[in-house]
Amino acid sequence: WLLYAWAALLGDVTGSGWLCPSEVVKQQLQAGTYATVGEAIRGIYNTGGGGWKGFYRGYLGGLSRDVPFRVAQLTSYETTKSIYKKWKAKKIQEKNNG
């Protein structure tokens, strides 16, 4: 399960690198801070702490929320899948032998 935990961790860290900027833009639009996507991108870039940094506001908070869930989700799924495959193989073997 440790391999699956690492896979989930690395996947989420990588995915969040792409997701965070779009979330920042979406949230600014939903809050009514900007009227258009282009205006939001320009505004965040110009006022968000110096260039691209503004698009990663909340990155660590998002990771601290998402990573534990992804680790639990992926390891649970893979463990359940493994148990099911073993059970199914046993049933097939019993059917063939009996």
PDB file of N, CA and C in Angstrom:
ATOM      1  N   TRP A   1       0.812  -1.199   0.000  1.00  0.00           N
ATOM      2  CA  TRP A   1       0.000   0.000   0.000  1.00  0.00           C
ATOM      3  C   TRP A   1       0.856   1.265   0.000  1.00  0.00           C
ATOM      4  N   LEU A   2       2.109   1.139   0.452  1.00  0.00           N
ATOM      5  CA  LEU A   2       2.994   2.304   0.494  1.00  0.00           C
ATOM      6  C   LEU A   2       3.254   2.874  -0.904  1.00  0.00           C
ATOM      7  N   LEU A   3       3.395   1.989  -1.872  1.00  0.00           N
ATOM      8  CA  LEU A   3       3.592   2.438  -3.252  1.00  0.00           C
ATOM      9  C   LEU A   3       2.385   3.246  -3.734  1.00  0.00           C
ATOM     10  N   TYR A   4       1.197   2.784  -3.405  1.00  0.00           N
ATOM     11  CA  TYR A   4      -0.017   3.508  -3.803  1.00  0.00           C
ATOM     12  C   TYR A   4      -0.120   4.851  -3.084  1.00  0.00           C
ATOM     13  N   ALA A   5       0.308   4.896  -1.831  1.00  0.00           N
ATOM     14  CA  ALA A   5       0.294   6.156  -1.090  1.00  0.00           C
ATOM     15  C   ALA A   5       1.232   7.169  -1.741  1.00  0.00           C
ATOM     16  N   TRP A   6       2.435   6.707  -2.120  1.00  0.00           N
ATOM     17  CA  TRP A   6       3.385   7.591  -2.800  1.00  0.00           C
ATOM     18  C   TRP A   6       2.841   8.045  -4.152  1.00  0.00           C
ATOM     19  N   ALA A   7       2.219   7.136  -4.867  1.00  0.00           N
ATOM     20  CA  ALA A   7       1.646   7.493  -6.170  1.00  0.00           C
ATOM     21  C   ALA A   7       0.574   8.562  -6.010  1.00  0.00           C
ATOM     22  N   ALA A   8      -0.272   8.400  -5.003  1.00  0.00           N
ATOM     23  CA  ALA A   8      -1.325   9.383  -4.752  1.00  0.00           C
ATOM     24  C   ALA A   8      -0.726  10.728  -4.365  1.00  0.00           C
ATOM     25  N   LEU A   9       0.283  10.701  -3.504  1.00  0.00           N
ATOM     26  CA  LEU A   9       0.935  11.929  -3.066  1.00  0.00           C
ATOM     27  C   LEU A   9       1.556  12.669  -4.242  1.00  0.00           C
ATOM     28  N   LEU A  10       2.354  11.970  -5.024  1.00  0.00           N
ATOM     29  CA  LEU A  10       3.014  12.611  -6.165  1.00  0.00           C
ATOM     30  C   LEU A  10       2.019  13.064  -7.226  1.00  0.00           C
ATOM     31  N   GLY A  11       1.004  12.265  -7.452  1.00  0.00           N
ATOM     32  CA  GLY A  11      -0.024  12.646  -8.419  1.00  0.00           C
ATOM     33  C   GLY A  11      -0.757  13.900  -8.003  1.00  0.00           C
ATOM     34  N   ASP A  12      -1.076  13.986  -6.717  1.00  0.00           N
ATOM     35  CA  ASP A  12      -1.814  15.150  -6.253  1.00  0.00           C
ATOM     36  C   ASP A  12      -0.949  16.405  -6.237  1.00  0.00           C
ATOM     37  N   VAL A  13       0.310  16.263  -5.856  1.00  0.00           N
ATOM     38  CA  VAL A  13       1.216  17.419  -5.879  1.00  0.00           C
ATOM     39  C   VAL A  13       1.360  17.931  -7.312  1.00  0.00           C
ATOM     40  N   THR A  14       1.539  17.011  -8.249  1.00  0.00           N
ATOM     41  CA  THR A  14       1.669  17.393  -9.658  1.00  0.00           C
ATOM     42  C   THR A  14       0.372  18.003 -10.184  1.00  0.00           C
ATOM     43  N   GLY A  15      -0.735  17.333  -9.924  1.00  0.00           N
ATOM     44  CA  GLY A  15      -2.025  17.828 -10.397  1.00  0.00           C
ATOM     45  C   GLY A  15      -2.383  19.185  -9.824  1.00  0.00           C
ATOM     46  N   SER A  16      -2.043  19.391  -8.572  1.00  0.00           N
ATOM     47  CA  SER A  16      -2.350  20.675  -7.939  1.00  0.00           C
ATOM     48  C   SER A  16      -1.562  21.817  -8.564  1.00  0.00           C
ATOM     49  N   GLY A  17      -0.405  21.496  -9.106  1.00  0.00           N
ATOM     50  CA  GLY A  17       0.369  22.515  -9.804  1.00  0.00           C
ATOM     51  C   GLY A  17      -0.368  23.088 -11.003  1.00  0.00           C
ATOM     52  N   TRP A  18      -1.209  22.264 -11.606  1.00  0.00           N
ATOM     53  CA  TRP A  18      -2.029  22.720 -12.738  1.00  0.00           C
ATOM     54  C   TRP A  18      -3.376  23.246 -12.267  1.00  0.00           C
ATOM     55  N   LEU A  19      -3.917  22.644 -11.206  1.00  0.00           N
ATOM     56  CA  LEU A  19      -5.256  22.990 -10.752  1.00  0.00           C
ATOM     57  C   LEU A  19      -5.304  24.317  -9.996  1.00  0.00           C
ATOM     58  N   CYS A  20      -4.310  24.584  -9.190  1.00  0.00           N
ATOM     59  CA  CYS A  20      -4.340  25.767  -8.324  1.00  0.00           C
ATOM     60  C   CYS A  20      -4.564  27.084  -9.091  1.00  0.00           C
ATOM     61  N   PRO A  21      -3.832  27.335 -10.173  1.00  0.00           N
ATOM     62  CA  PRO A  21      -4.077  28.600 -10.887  1.00  0.00           C
ATOM     63  C   PRO A  21      -5.516  28.750 -11.390  1.00  0.00           C
ATOM     64  N   SER A  22      -6.091  27.679 -11.901  1.00  0.00           N
ATOM     65  CA  SER A  22      -7.472  27.775 -12.394  1.00  0.00           C
ATOM     66  C   SER A  22      -8.450  27.978 -11.237  1.00  0.00           C
ATOM     67  N   GLU A  23      -8.150  27.387 -10.086  1.00  0.00           N
ATOM     68  CA  GLU A  23      -8.998  27.584  -8.907  1.00  0.00           C
ATOM     69  C   GLU A  23      -8.942  29.034  -8.429  1.00  0.00           C
ATOM     70  N   VAL A  24      -7.752  29.623  -8.450  1.00  0.00           N
ATOM     71  CA  VAL A  24      -7.608  31.019  -8.025  1.00  0.00           C
ATOM     72  C   VAL A  24      -8.415  31.930  -8.955  1.00  0.00           C
ATOM     73  N   VAL A  25      -8.304  31.704 -10.256  1.00  0.00           N
ATOM     74  CA  VAL A  25      -9.066  32.510 -11.221  1.00  0.00           C
ATOM     75  C   VAL A  25     -10.566  32.303 -11.002  1.00  0.00           C
ATOM     76  N   LYS A  26     -10.994  31.056 -10.869  1.00  0.00           N
ATOM     77  CA  LYS A  26     -12.420  30.746 -10.665  1.00  0.00           C
ATOM     78  C   LYS A  26     -12.958  31.425  -9.408  1.00  0.00           C
ATOM     79  N   GLN A  27     -12.208  31.338  -8.329  1.00  0.00           N
ATOM     80  CA  GLN A  27     -12.666  31.928  -7.068  1.00  0.00           C
ATOM     81  C   GLN A  27     -12.772  33.445  -7.164  1.00  0.00           C
ATOM     82  N   GLN A  28     -11.821  34.061  -7.852  1.00  0.00           N
ATOM     83  CA  GLN A  28     -11.875  35.521  -8.018  1.00  0.00           C
ATOM     84  C   GLN A  28     -13.085  35.931  -8.862  1.00  0.00           C
ATOM     85  N   LEU A  29     -13.392  35.132  -9.875  1.00  0.00           N
ATOM     86  CA  LEU A  29     -14.572  35.418 -10.698  1.00  0.00           C
ATOM     87  C   LEU A  29     -15.859  35.221  -9.894  1.00  0.00           C
ATOM     88  N   GLN A  30     -15.923  34.133  -9.116  1.00  0.00           N
ATOM     89  CA  GLN A  30     -17.109  33.871  -8.309  1.00  0.00           C
ATOM     90  C   GLN A  30     -17.319  34.938  -7.243  1.00  0.00           C
ATOM     91  N   ALA A  31     -16.238  35.479  -6.714  1.00  0.00           N
ATOM     92  CA  ALA A  31     -16.337  36.520  -5.691  1.00  0.00           C
ATOM     93  C   ALA A  31     -16.726  37.872  -6.289  1.00  0.00           C
ATOM     94  N   GLY A  32     -16.690  37.955  -7.620  1.00  0.00           N
ATOM     95  CA  GLY A  32     -17.032  39.208  -8.282  1.00  0.00           C
ATOM     96  C   GLY A  32     -15.901  40.211  -8.303  1.00  0.00           C
ATOM     97  N   THR A  33     -14.706  39.764  -7.988  1.00  0.00           N
ATOM     98  CA  THR A  33     -13.551  40.658  -7.992  1.00  0.00           C
ATOM     99  C   THR A  33     -13.233  41.123  -9.404  1.00  0.00           C
ATOM    100  N   TYR A  34     -13.423  40.231 -10.363  1.00  0.00           N
ATOM    101  CA  TYR A  34     -13.173  40.541 -11.782  1.00  0.00           C
ATOM    102  C   TYR A  34     -14.383  40.108 -12.599  1.00  0.00           C
ATOM    103  N   ALA A  35     -14.571  40.778 -13.730  1.00  0.00           N
ATOM    104  CA  ALA A  35     -15.738  40.492 -14.569  1.00  0.00           C
ATOM    105  C   ALA A  35     -15.462  39.431 -15.623  1.00  0.00           C
ATOM    106  N   THR A  36     -14.227  39.323 -16.093  1.00  0.00           N
ATOM    107  CA  THR A  36     -13.905  38.368 -17.153  1.00  0.00           C
ATOM    108  C   THR A  36     -12.666  37.557 -16.768  1.00  0.00           C
ATOM    109  N   VAL A  37     -12.470  36.444 -17.466  1.00  0.00           N
ATOM    110  CA  VAL A  37     -11.303  35.605 -17.218  1.00  0.00           C
ATOM    111  C   VAL A  37     -10.018  36.371 -17.521  1.00  0.00           C
ATOM    112  N   GLY A  38      -9.979  37.069 -18.638  1.00  0.00           N
ATOM    113  CA  GLY A  38      -8.791  37.835 -19.005  1.00  0.00           C
ATOM    114  C   GLY A  38      -8.450  38.897 -17.975  1.00  0.00           C
ATOM    115  N   GLU A  39      -9.482  39.581 -17.504  1.00  0.00           N
ATOM    116  CA  GLU A  39      -9.284  40.606 -16.476  1.00  0.00           C
ATOM    117  C   GLU A  39      -8.754  39.964 -15.188  1.00  0.00           C
ATOM    118  N   ALA A  40      -9.291  38.802 -14.835  1.00  0.00           N
ATOM    119  CA  ALA A  40      -8.839  38.095 -13.629  1.00  0.00           C
ATOM    120  C   ALA A  40      -7.380  37.676 -13.756  1.00  0.00           C
ATOM    121  N   ILE A  41      -7.009  37.130 -14.896  1.00  0.00           N
ATOM    122  CA  ILE A  41      -5.622  36.692 -15.102  1.00  0.00           C
ATOM    123  C   ILE A  41      -4.667  37.870 -14.995  1.00  0.00           C
ATOM    124  N   ARG A  42      -5.005  38.972 -15.666  1.00  0.00           N
ATOM    125  CA  ARG A  42      -4.148  40.162 -15.597  1.00  0.00           C
ATOM    126  C   ARG A  42      -4.075  40.710 -14.169  1.00  0.00           C
ATOM    127  N   GLY A  43      -5.216  40.783 -13.520  1.00  0.00           N
ATOM    128  CA  GLY A  43      -5.260  41.327 -12.161  1.00  0.00           C
ATOM    129  C   GLY A  43      -4.491  40.473 -11.166  1.00  0.00           C
ATOM    130  N   ILE A  44      -4.665  39.166 -11.237  1.00  0.00           N
ATOM    131  CA  ILE A  44      -3.956  38.262 -10.323  1.00  0.00           C
ATOM    132  C   ILE A  44      -2.459  38.342 -10.574  1.00  0.00           C
ATOM    133  N   TYR A  45      -2.070  38.363 -11.827  1.00  0.00           N
ATOM    134  CA  TYR A  45      -0.642  38.446 -12.175  1.00  0.00           C
ATOM    135  C   TYR A  45      -0.024  39.739 -11.649  1.00  0.00           C
ATOM    136  N   ASN A  46      -0.754  40.834 -11.791  1.00  0.00           N
ATOM    137  CA  ASN A  46      -0.209  42.144 -11.416  1.00  0.00           C
ATOM    138  C   ASN A  46      -0.273  42.446  -9.926  1.00  0.00           C
ATOM    139  N   THR A  47      -1.205  41.823  -9.187  1.00  0.00           N
ATOM    140  CA  THR A  47      -1.372  42.175  -7.771  1.00  0.00           C
ATOM    141  C   THR A  47      -1.187  40.997  -6.826  1.00  0.00           C
ATOM    142  N   GLY A  48      -0.925  39.837  -7.321  1.00  0.00           N
ATOM    143  CA  GLY A  48      -0.891  38.650  -6.472  1.00  0.00           C
ATOM    144  C   GLY A  48       0.426  38.354  -5.825  1.00  0.00           C
ATOM    145  N   GLY A  49       1.186  39.321  -5.483  1.00  0.00           N
ATOM    146  CA  GLY A  49       2.447  39.078  -4.799  1.00  0.00           C
ATOM    147  C   GLY A  49       3.625  38.947  -5.742  1.00  0.00           C
ATOM    148  N   GLY A  50       3.484  39.464  -6.939  1.00  0.00           N
ATOM    149  CA  GLY A  50       4.617  39.450  -7.857  1.00  0.00           C
ATOM    150  C   GLY A  50       4.536  38.377  -8.916  1.00  0.00           C
ATOM    151  N   GLY A  51       3.810  38.623  -9.959  1.00  0.00           N
ATOM    152  CA  GLY A  51       3.779  37.704 -11.103  1.00  0.00           C
ATOM    153  C   GLY A  51       3.009  36.428 -10.837  1.00  0.00           C
ATOM    154  N   TRP A  52       3.649  35.313 -11.149  1.00  0.00           N
ATOM    155  CA  TRP A  52       2.976  34.010 -11.103  1.00  0.00           C
ATOM    156  C   TRP A  52       2.650  33.545  -9.688  1.00  0.00           C
ATOM    157  N   LYS A  53       3.287  34.125  -8.688  1.00  0.00           N
ATOM    158  CA  LYS A  53       3.011  33.744  -7.299  1.00  0.00           C
ATOM    159  C   LYS A  53       1.531  33.859  -6.954  1.00  0.00           C
ATOM    160  N   GLY A  54       0.896  34.869  -7.496  1.00  0.00           N
ATOM    161  CA  GLY A  54      -0.514  35.110  -7.195  1.00  0.00           C
ATOM    162  C   GLY A  54      -1.419  33.962  -7.582  1.00  0.00           C
ATOM    163  N   PHE A  55      -1.020  33.199  -8.599  1.00  0.00           N
ATOM    164  CA  PHE A  55      -1.835  32.075  -9.050  1.00  0.00           C
ATOM    165  C   PHE A  55      -1.711  30.863  -8.133  1.00  0.00           C
ATOM    166  N   TYR A  56      -0.766  30.914  -7.211  1.00  0.00           N
ATOM    167  CA  TYR A  56      -0.542  29.784  -6.300  1.00  0.00           C
ATOM    168  C   TYR A  56      -0.886  30.120  -4.851  1.00  0.00           C
ATOM    169  N   ARG A  57      -1.693  31.153  -4.664  1.00  0.00           N
ATOM    170  CA  ARG A  57      -2.192  31.442  -3.320  1.00  0.00           C
ATOM    171  C   ARG A  57      -3.080  30.281  -2.894  1.00  0.00           C
ATOM    172  N   GLY A  58      -2.835  29.751  -1.730  1.00  0.00           N
ATOM    173  CA  GLY A  58      -3.640  28.637  -1.238  1.00  0.00           C
ATOM    174  C   GLY A  58      -3.148  27.267  -1.673  1.00  0.00           C
ATOM    175  N   TYR A  59      -2.011  27.209  -2.359  1.00  0.00           N
ATOM    176  CA  TYR A  59      -1.490  25.934  -2.858  1.00  0.00           C
ATOM    177  C   TYR A  59      -1.241  24.944  -1.719  1.00  0.00           C
ATOM    178  N   LEU A  60      -0.542  25.362  -0.683  1.00  0.00           N
ATOM    179  CA  LEU A  60      -0.242  24.455   0.428  1.00  0.00           C
ATOM    180  C   LEU A  60      -1.500  24.075   1.199  1.00  0.00           C
ATOM    181  N   GLY A  61      -2.422  25.005   1.332  1.00  0.00           N
ATOM    182  CA  GLY A  61      -3.695  24.683   1.986  1.00  0.00           C
ATOM    183  C   GLY A  61      -4.486  23.648   1.208  1.00  0.00           C
ATOM    184  N   GLY A  62      -4.483  23.795  -0.109  1.00  0.00           N
ATOM    185  CA  GLY A  62      -5.169  22.815  -0.953  1.00  0.00           C
ATOM    186  C   GLY A  62      -4.530  21.446  -0.866  1.00  0.00           C
ATOM    187  N   LEU A  63      -3.197  21.429  -0.837  1.00  0.00           N
ATOM    188  CA  LEU A  63      -2.499  20.144  -0.700  1.00  0.00           C
ATOM    189  C   LEU A  63      -2.808  19.493   0.641  1.00  0.00           C
ATOM    190  N   SER A  64      -2.811  20.280   1.695  1.00  0.00           N
ATOM    191  CA  SER A  64      -3.069  19.703   3.018  1.00  0.00           C
ATOM    192  C   SER A  64      -4.497  19.178   3.126  1.00  0.00           C
ATOM    193  N   ARG A  65      -5.389  19.686   2.304  1.00  0.00           N
ATOM    194  CA  ARG A  65      -6.760  19.180   2.266  1.00  0.00           C
ATOM    195  C   ARG A  65      -6.873  17.958   1.354  1.00  0.00           C
ATOM    196  N   ASP A  66      -6.243  18.014   0.188  1.00  0.00           N
ATOM    197  CA  ASP A  66      -6.457  16.995  -0.838  1.00  0.00           C
ATOM    198  C   ASP A  66      -5.591  15.750  -0.703  1.00  0.00           C
ATOM    199  N   VAL A  67      -4.341  15.898  -0.293  1.00  0.00           N
ATOM    200  CA  VAL A  67      -3.423  14.750  -0.269  1.00  0.00           C
ATOM    201  C   VAL A  67      -3.910  13.634   0.659  1.00  0.00           C
ATOM    202  N   PRO A  68      -4.314  13.926   1.902  1.00  0.00           N
ATOM    203  CA  PRO A  68      -4.781  12.822   2.746  1.00  0.00           C
ATOM    204  C   PRO A  68      -5.972  12.076   2.141  1.00  0.00           C
ATOM    205  N   PHE A  69      -6.881  12.800   1.517  1.00  0.00           N
ATOM    206  CA  PHE A  69      -8.022  12.158   0.873  1.00  0.00           C
ATOM    207  C   PHE A  69      -7.578  11.267  -0.277  1.00  0.00           C
ATOM    208  N   ARG A  70      -6.698  11.770  -1.140  1.00  0.00           N
ATOM    209  CA  ARG A  70      -6.235  10.984  -2.292  1.00  0.00           C
ATOM    210  C   ARG A  70      -5.475   9.739  -1.851  1.00  0.00           C
ATOM    211  N   VAL A  71      -4.652   9.873  -0.820  1.00  0.00           N
ATOM    212  CA  VAL A  71      -3.917   8.711  -0.315  1.00  0.00           C
ATOM    213  C   VAL A  71      -4.909   7.661   0.191  1.00  0.00           C
ATOM    214  N   ALA A  72      -5.864   8.087   0.996  1.00  0.00           N
ATOM    215  CA  ALA A  72      -6.871   7.140   1.509  1.00  0.00           C
ATOM    216  C   ALA A  72      -7.686   6.537   0.371  1.00  0.00           C
ATOM    217  N   GLN A  73      -8.061   7.349  -0.596  1.00  0.00           N
ATOM    218  CA  GLN A  73      -8.869   6.881  -1.713  1.00  0.00           C
ATOM    219  C   GLN A  73      -8.121   5.846  -2.553  1.00  0.00           C
ATOM    220  N   LEU A  74      -6.910   6.160  -2.964  1.00  0.00           N
ATOM    221  CA  LEU A  74      -6.181   5.264  -3.852  1.00  0.00           C
ATOM    222  C   LEU A  74      -5.766   3.984  -3.149  1.00  0.00           C
ATOM    223  N   THR A  75      -5.281   4.087  -1.912  1.00  0.00           N
ATOM    224  CA  THR A  75      -4.876   2.872  -1.208  1.00  0.00           C
ATOM    225  C   THR A  75      -6.083   1.992  -0.901  1.00  0.00           C
ATOM    226  N   SER A  76      -7.214   2.578  -0.555  1.00  0.00           N
ATOM    227  CA  SER A  76      -8.432   1.789  -0.307  1.00  0.00           C
ATOM    228  C   SER A  76      -8.896   1.091  -1.577  1.00  0.00           C
ATOM    229  N   TYR A  77      -8.889   1.818  -2.677  1.00  0.00           N
ATOM    230  CA  TYR A  77      -9.314   1.235  -3.950  1.00  0.00           C
ATOM    231  C   TYR A  77      -8.413   0.072  -4.346  1.00  0.00           C
ATOM    232  N   GLU A  78      -7.103   0.286  -4.298  1.00  0.00           N
ATOM    233  CA  GLU A  78      -6.166  -0.759  -4.720  1.00  0.00           C
ATOM    234  C   GLU A  78      -6.205  -1.964  -3.788  1.00  0.00           C
ATOM    235  N   THR A  79      -6.363  -1.744  -2.504  1.00  0.00           N
ATOM    236  CA  THR A  79      -6.457  -2.848  -1.553  1.00  0.00           C
ATOM    237  C   THR A  79      -7.738  -3.647  -1.799  1.00  0.00           C
ATOM    238  N   THR A  80      -8.845  -2.965  -1.983  1.00  0.00           N
ATOM    239  CA  THR A  80     -10.118  -3.640  -2.260  1.00  0.00           C
ATOM    240  C   THR A  80     -10.047  -4.415  -3.567  1.00  0.00           C
ATOM    241  N   LYS A  81      -9.443  -3.829  -4.568  1.00  0.00           N
ATOM    242  CA  LYS A  81      -9.293  -4.508  -5.857  1.00  0.00           C
ATOM    243  C   LYS A  81      -8.464  -5.775  -5.712  1.00  0.00           C
ATOM    244  N   SER A  82      -7.385  -5.699  -4.966  1.00  0.00           N
ATOM    245  CA  SER A  82      -6.519  -6.859  -4.750  1.00  0.00           C
ATOM    246  C   SER A  82      -7.259  -7.979  -4.017  1.00  0.00           C
ATOM    247  N   ILE A  83      -7.998  -7.624  -2.979  1.00  0.00           N
ATOM    248  CA  ILE A  83      -8.780  -8.619  -2.227  1.00  0.00           C
ATOM    249  C   ILE A  83      -9.809  -9.270  -3.138  1.00  0.00           C
ATOM    250  N   TYR A  84     -10.503  -8.477  -3.940  1.00  0.00           N
ATOM    251  CA  TYR A  84     -11.510  -9.007  -4.851  1.00  0.00           C
ATOM    252  C   TYR A  84     -10.891  -9.956  -5.872  1.00  0.00           C
ATOM    253  N   LYS A  85      -9.738  -9.581  -6.445  1.00  0.00           N
ATOM    254  CA  LYS A  85      -9.087 -10.441  -7.441  1.00  0.00           C
ATOM    255  C   LYS A  85      -8.686 -11.776  -6.835  1.00  0.00           C
ATOM    256  N   LYS A  86      -8.182 -11.775  -5.603  1.00  0.00           N
ATOM    257  CA  LYS A  86      -7.822 -13.026  -4.931  1.00  0.00           C
ATOM    258  C   LYS A  86      -9.055 -13.880  -4.671  1.00  0.00           C
ATOM    259  N   TRP A  87     -10.131 -13.256  -4.217  1.00  0.00           N
ATOM    260  CA  TRP A  87     -11.381 -13.966  -3.950  1.00  0.00           C
ATOM    261  C   TRP A  87     -11.935 -14.578  -5.233  1.00  0.00           C
ATOM    262  N   LYS A  88     -11.906 -13.797  -6.313  1.00  0.00           N
ATOM    263  CA  LYS A  88     -12.426 -14.278  -7.593  1.00  0.00           C
ATOM    264  C   LYS A  88     -11.585 -15.441  -8.118  1.00  0.00           C
ATOM    265  N   ALA A  89     -10.264 -15.332  -8.013  1.00  0.00           N
ATOM    266  CA  ALA A  89      -9.387 -16.424  -8.456  1.00  0.00           C
ATOM    267  C   ALA A  89      -9.658 -17.690  -7.649  1.00  0.00           C
ATOM    268  N   LYS A  90      -9.895 -17.551  -6.354  1.00  0.00           N
ATOM    269  CA  LYS A  90     -10.205 -18.704  -5.492  1.00  0.00           C
ATOM    270  C   LYS A  90     -11.519 -19.350  -5.917  1.00  0.00           C
ATOM    271  N   LYS A  91     -12.511 -18.540  -6.192  1.00  0.00           N
ATOM    272  CA  LYS A  91     -13.812 -19.065  -6.633  1.00  0.00           C
ATOM    273  C   LYS A  91     -13.686 -19.815  -7.960  1.00  0.00           C
ATOM    274  N   ILE A  92     -12.918 -19.281  -8.877  1.00  0.00           N
ATOM    275  CA  ILE A  92     -12.717 -19.948 -10.166  1.00  0.00           C
ATOM    276  C   ILE A  92     -11.995 -21.273  -9.973  1.00  0.00           C
ATOM    277  N   GLN A  93     -10.983 -21.262  -9.108  1.00  0.00           N
ATOM    278  CA  GLN A  93     -10.238 -22.505  -8.838  1.00  0.00           C
ATOM    279  C   GLN A  93     -11.146 -23.545  -8.184  1.00  0.00           C
ATOM    280  N   GLU A  94     -11.983 -23.120  -7.247  1.00  0.00           N
ATOM    281  CA  GLU A  94     -12.920 -24.053  -6.598  1.00  0.00           C
ATOM    282  C   GLU A  94     -13.906 -24.629  -7.622  1.00  0.00           C
ATOM    283  N   LYS A  95     -14.358 -23.812  -8.530  1.00  0.00           N
ATOM    284  CA  LYS A  95     -15.306 -24.260  -9.553  1.00  0.00           C
ATOM    285  C   LYS A  95     -14.655 -25.273 -10.479  1.00  0.00           C
ATOM    286  N   ASN A  96     -13.413 -25.039 -10.853  1.00  0.00           N
ATOM    287  CA  ASN A  96     -12.697 -25.941 -11.753  1.00  0.00           C
ATOM    288  C   ASN A  96     -12.330 -27.254 -11.076  1.00  0.00           C
ATOM    289  N   ASN A  97     -12.083 -27.219  -9.760  1.00  0.00           N
ATOM    290  CA  ASN A  97     -11.704 -28.415  -9.022  1.00  0.00           C
ATOM    291  C   ASN A  97     -12.908 -29.203  -8.512  1.00  0.00           C
ATOM    292  N   GLY A  98     -14.027 -28.541  -8.406  1.00  0.00           N
ATOM    293  CA  GLY A  98     -15.153 -29.202  -7.754  1.00  0.00           C
ATOM    294  C   GLY A  98     -16.244 -29.495  -8.682  1.00  0.00           C
TER     295      GLY A  98
END
